[in-house]
Amino acid sequence: MFDTSILGDEEVVAEKEVSTADLVPTTGEAKDKGKGKIIEPEKPLKWKDQIMIDEKVARNLKAQMQAELEEEERLARQKEEKDNIAQIESLDNTQAMMDADYELAASLQEEERGELTIKKVKIVCGAYG
C-alpha cells in the first residue's frame, strides 16, 4: 500500500481491482450425463459352448501340425532324391572314366602286339632274305 498522510483530509476510496489473470473458481468435476457407450460385461460361456470351442481349436491345431509334418516329409524326400541323383551322376562319371581307361589300355596293348608282330616279321624276313 502507500502512505495516506500525504493526502491530507481528503477522503480515499479504494476499489477492489479484478485481474483477468485471476482464476475463476469452478464447482469441481463435470457431471456425467450418462450418454456414453454402454459396455456390457462379457458373459462367461456355457460349459458345452466352451467344450465345442476347445474341440474346434484342437482340430485346427491338429490339422495345422499335420500339414507342417507333411511339408517337412515332402522336403526331406525331395532332398533325398536330389542326393540320390547326385550319387548316380557321380557313379556314372566314375564308370565312364573306368571305361575310357580300359579302352586306352586295350588299344595300347593291341598297338604293342602289332609292333611286336612287325618286328617278328622283319626278323624272320631278314633271316631268309
C-alpha atoms as a PDB file:
ATOM      1  CA  MET A   1       0.000   0.000   0.000  1.00  0.00           C
ATOM      2  CA  PHE A   2       1.002   3.629   0.207  1.00  0.00           C
ATOM      3  CA  ASP A   3       1.275   6.348   2.880  1.00  0.00           C
ATOM      4  CA  THR A   4      -2.095   8.110   3.334  1.00  0.00           C
ATOM      5  CA  SER A   5      -0.647  11.077   5.252  1.00  0.00           C
ATOM      6  CA  ILE A   6       0.267  12.798   2.033  1.00  0.00           C
ATOM      7  CA  LEU A   7      -3.384  13.067   1.052  1.00  0.00           C
ATOM      8  CA  GLY A   8      -4.319  15.189   3.985  1.00  0.00           C
ATOM      9  CA  ASP A   9      -8.014  15.350   4.855  1.00  0.00           C
ATOM     10  CA  GLU A  10      -9.205  14.044   1.554  1.00  0.00           C
ATOM     11  CA  GLU A  11     -11.427  11.080   1.531  1.00  0.00           C
ATOM     12  CA  VAL A  12      -9.864   7.999  -0.006  1.00  0.00           C
ATOM     13  CA  VAL A  13     -11.984   5.344  -1.652  1.00  0.00           C
ATOM     14  CA  ALA A  14     -10.283   2.110  -2.620  1.00  0.00           C
ATOM     15  CA  GLU A  15     -11.932  -0.170  -5.109  1.00  0.00           C
ATOM     16  CA  LYS A  16     -11.006  -3.736  -5.405  1.00  0.00           C
ATOM     17  CA  GLU A  17      -9.293  -4.439  -8.692  1.00  0.00           C
ATOM     18  CA  VAL A  18     -10.123  -7.633 -10.528  1.00  0.00           C
ATOM     19  CA  SER A  19      -7.445  -9.052 -12.766  1.00  0.00           C
ATOM     20  CA  THR A  20      -8.259 -11.181 -15.764  1.00  0.00           C
ATOM     21  CA  ALA A  21      -5.368 -13.364 -14.738  1.00  0.00           C
ATOM     22  CA  ASP A  22      -7.196 -14.338 -11.542  1.00  0.00           C
ATOM     23  CA  LEU A  23      -8.529 -17.875 -11.594  1.00  0.00           C
ATOM     24  CA  VAL A  24     -12.239 -18.366 -11.735  1.00  0.00           C
ATOM     25  CA  PRO A  25     -13.313 -20.905  -9.152  1.00  0.00           C
ATOM     26  CA  THR A  26     -15.050 -23.968 -10.600  1.00  0.00           C
ATOM     27  CA  THR A  27     -17.542 -26.241  -8.980  1.00  0.00           C
ATOM     28  CA  GLY A  28     -15.401 -29.382  -9.382  1.00  0.00           C
ATOM     29  CA  GLU A  29     -15.848 -32.261 -11.832  1.00  0.00           C
ATOM     30  CA  ALA A  30     -18.207 -32.160 -14.773  1.00  0.00           C
ATOM     31  CA  LYS A  31     -21.369 -34.034 -14.162  1.00  0.00           C
ATOM     32  CA  ASP A  32     -21.713 -37.269 -16.199  1.00  0.00           C
ATOM     33  CA  LYS A  33     -24.953 -37.177 -18.143  1.00  0.00           C
ATOM     34  CA  GLY A  34     -24.838 -40.904 -18.950  1.00  0.00           C
ATOM     35  CA  LYS A  35     -24.713 -40.502 -22.723  1.00  0.00           C
ATOM     36  CA  GLY A  36     -21.556 -42.652 -23.256  1.00  0.00           C
ATOM     37  CA  LYS A  37     -21.413 -46.082 -24.872  1.00  0.00           C
ATOM     38  CA  ILE A  38     -22.763 -48.852 -22.784  1.00  0.00           C
ATOM     39  CA  ILE A  39     -20.247 -51.674 -22.494  1.00  0.00           C
ATOM     40  CA  GLU A  40     -21.802 -54.826 -21.260  1.00  0.00           C
ATOM     41  CA  PRO A  41     -19.518 -57.186 -19.396  1.00  0.00           C
ATOM     42  CA  GLU A  42     -18.742 -60.429 -21.231  1.00  0.00           C
ATOM     43  CA  LYS A  43     -20.900 -63.251 -20.119  1.00  0.00           C
ATOM     44  CA  PRO A  44     -18.995 -66.418 -19.306  1.00  0.00           C
ATOM     45  CA  LEU A  45     -19.529 -69.145 -21.879  1.00  0.00           C
ATOM     46  CA  LYS A  46     -21.657 -72.089 -21.051  1.00  0.00           C
ATOM     47  CA  TRP A  47     -19.835 -75.342 -20.362  1.00  0.00           C
ATOM     48  CA  LYS A  48     -20.967 -77.023 -23.618  1.00  0.00           C
ATOM     49  CA  ASP A  49     -20.103 -73.952 -25.696  1.00  0.00           C
ATOM     50  CA  GLN A  50     -16.606 -73.853 -24.195  1.00  0.00           C
ATOM     51  CA  ILE A  51     -16.099 -77.557 -24.952  1.00  0.00           C
ATOM     52  CA  MET A  52     -17.188 -77.031 -28.570  1.00  0.00           C
ATOM     53  CA  ILE A  53     -14.798 -74.098 -28.975  1.00  0.00           C
ATOM     54  CA  ASP A  54     -11.951 -76.095 -27.407  1.00  0.00           C
ATOM     55  CA  GLU A  55     -12.623 -79.034 -29.745  1.00  0.00           C
ATOM     56  CA  LYS A  56     -12.628 -76.739 -32.770  1.00  0.00           C
ATOM     57  CA  VAL A  57      -9.329 -75.153 -31.708  1.00  0.00           C
ATOM     58  CA  ALA A  58      -7.855 -78.624 -31.126  1.00  0.00           C
ATOM     59  CA  ARG A  59      -8.973 -79.798 -34.600  1.00  0.00           C
ATOM     60  CA  ASN A  60      -7.490 -76.703 -36.239  1.00  0.00           C
ATOM     61  CA  LEU A  61      -4.222 -77.127 -34.345  1.00  0.00           C
ATOM     62  CA  LYS A  62      -4.036 -80.823 -35.260  1.00  0.00           C
ATOM     63  CA  ALA A  63      -4.675 -80.029 -38.940  1.00  0.00           C
ATOM     64  CA  GLN A  64      -2.006 -77.327 -38.890  1.00  0.00           C
ATOM     65  CA  MET A  65       0.531 -79.646 -37.251  1.00  0.00           C
ATOM     66  CA  GLN A  66      -0.300 -82.411 -39.756  1.00  0.00           C
ATOM     67  CA  ALA A  67       0.206 -80.004 -42.670  1.00  0.00           C
ATOM     68  CA  GLU A  68       3.574 -78.906 -41.260  1.00  0.00           C
ATOM     69  CA  LEU A  69       4.637 -82.543 -40.800  1.00  0.00           C
ATOM     70  CA  GLU A  70       3.647 -83.416 -44.371  1.00  0.00           C
ATOM     71  CA  GLU A  71       5.580 -80.402 -45.667  1.00  0.00           C
ATOM     72  CA  GLU A  72       8.686 -81.453 -43.720  1.00  0.00           C
ATOM     73  CA  GLU A  73       8.391 -85.007 -45.072  1.00  0.00           C
ATOM     74  CA  ARG A  74       7.985 -83.702 -48.629  1.00  0.00           C
ATOM     75  CA  LEU A  75      11.096 -81.544 -48.278  1.00  0.00           C
ATOM     76  CA  ALA A  76      13.053 -84.496 -46.827  1.00  0.00           C
ATOM     77  CA  ARG A  77      12.008 -86.736 -49.756  1.00  0.00           C
ATOM     78  CA  GLN A  78      12.944 -84.015 -52.223  1.00  0.00           C
ATOM     79  CA  LYS A  79      16.387 -83.599 -50.623  1.00  0.00           C
ATOM     80  CA  GLU A  80      16.951 -87.374 -50.583  1.00  0.00           C
ATOM     81  CA  GLU A  81      16.006 -87.568 -54.263  1.00  0.00           C
ATOM     82  CA  LYS A  82      18.485 -84.812 -55.141  1.00  0.00           C
ATOM     83  CA  ASP A  83      21.205 -86.597 -53.151  1.00  0.00           C
ATOM     84  CA  ASN A  84      20.447 -89.883 -54.951  1.00  0.00           C
ATOM     85  CA  ILE A  85      20.612 -88.178 -58.351  1.00  0.00           C
ATOM     86  CA  ALA A  86      23.973 -86.635 -57.429  1.00  0.00           C
ATOM     87  CA  GLN A  87      25.324 -90.044 -56.333  1.00  0.00           C
ATOM     88  CA  ILE A  88      24.114 -91.693 -59.540  1.00  0.00           C
ATOM     89  CA  GLU A  89      25.750 -88.977 -61.650  1.00  0.00           C
ATOM     90  CA  SER A  90      28.981 -89.421 -59.701  1.00  0.00           C
ATOM     91  CA  LEU A  91      28.889 -93.198 -60.248  1.00  0.00           C
ATOM     92  CA  ASP A  92      28.153 -92.680 -63.954  1.00  0.00           C
ATOM     93  CA  ASN A  93      31.155 -90.356 -64.256  1.00  0.00           C
ATOM     94  CA  THR A  94      33.379 -92.862 -62.443  1.00  0.00           C
ATOM     95  CA  GLN A  95      32.174 -95.690 -64.696  1.00  0.00           C
ATOM     96  CA  ALA A  96      32.798 -93.561 -67.793  1.00  0.00           C
ATOM     97  CA  MET A  97      36.371 -92.852 -66.647  1.00  0.00           C
ATOM     98  CA  MET A  98      36.955 -96.558 -65.945  1.00  0.00           C
ATOM     99  CA  ASP A  99      35.613 -97.481 -69.406  1.00  0.00           C
ATOM    100  CA  ALA A 100      37.871 -94.887 -71.037  1.00  0.00           C
ATOM    101  CA  ASP A 101      40.885 -96.219 -69.118  1.00  0.00           C
ATOM    102  CA  TYR A 102      40.052 -99.798 -70.164  1.00  0.00           C
ATOM    103  CA  GLU A 103      39.729 -98.822 -73.824  1.00  0.00           C
ATOM    104  CA  LEU A 104      43.021 -96.916 -73.680  1.00  0.00           C
ATOM    105  CA  ALA A 105      44.791 -99.880 -72.078  1.00  0.00           C
ATOM    106  CA  ALA A 106      43.317-102.267 -74.650  1.00  0.00           C
ATOM    107  CA  SER A 107      44.352-100.080 -77.570  1.00  0.00           C
ATOM    108  CA  LEU A 108      47.869 -99.686 -76.144  1.00  0.00           C
ATOM    109  CA  GLN A 109      48.158-103.455 -75.740  1.00  0.00           C
ATOM    110  CA  GLU A 110      46.898-104.005 -79.269  1.00  0.00           C
ATOM    111  CA  GLU A 111      49.345-101.465 -80.631  1.00  0.00           C
ATOM    112  CA  GLU A 112      52.173-103.082 -78.670  1.00  0.00           C
ATOM    113  CA  ARG A 113      51.228-106.521 -80.025  1.00  0.00           C
ATOM    114  CA  GLY A 114      51.153-105.119 -83.539  1.00  0.00           C
ATOM    115  CA  GLU A 115      54.636-103.682 -83.179  1.00  0.00           C
ATOM    116  CA  LEU A 116      55.913-106.999 -81.862  1.00  0.00           C
ATOM    117  CA  THR A 117      54.486-108.883 -84.815  1.00  0.00           C
ATOM    118  CA  ILE A 118      56.000-106.366 -87.232  1.00  0.00           C
ATOM    119  CA  LYS A 119      59.395-106.858 -85.560  1.00  0.00           C
ATOM    120  CA  LYS A 120      58.980-110.630 -85.763  1.00  0.00           C
ATOM    121  CA  VAL A 121      58.128-110.390 -89.457  1.00  0.00           C
ATOM    122  CA  LYS A 122      61.180-108.229 -90.076  1.00  0.00           C
ATOM    123  CA  ILE A 123      63.373-110.602 -88.133  1.00  0.00           C
ATOM    124  CA  VAL A 124      62.010-113.618 -89.961  1.00  0.00           C
ATOM    125  CA  CYS A 125      62.187-111.873 -93.319  1.00  0.00           C
ATOM    126  CA  GLY A 126      65.671-110.657 -92.563  1.00  0.00           C
ATOM    127  CA  ALA A 127      66.823-114.131 -91.742  1.00  0.00           C
ATOM    128  CA  TYR A 128      65.543-115.597 -95.017  1.00  0.00           C
ATOM    129  CA  GLY A 129      66.124-112.646 -97.141  1.00  0.00           C
END
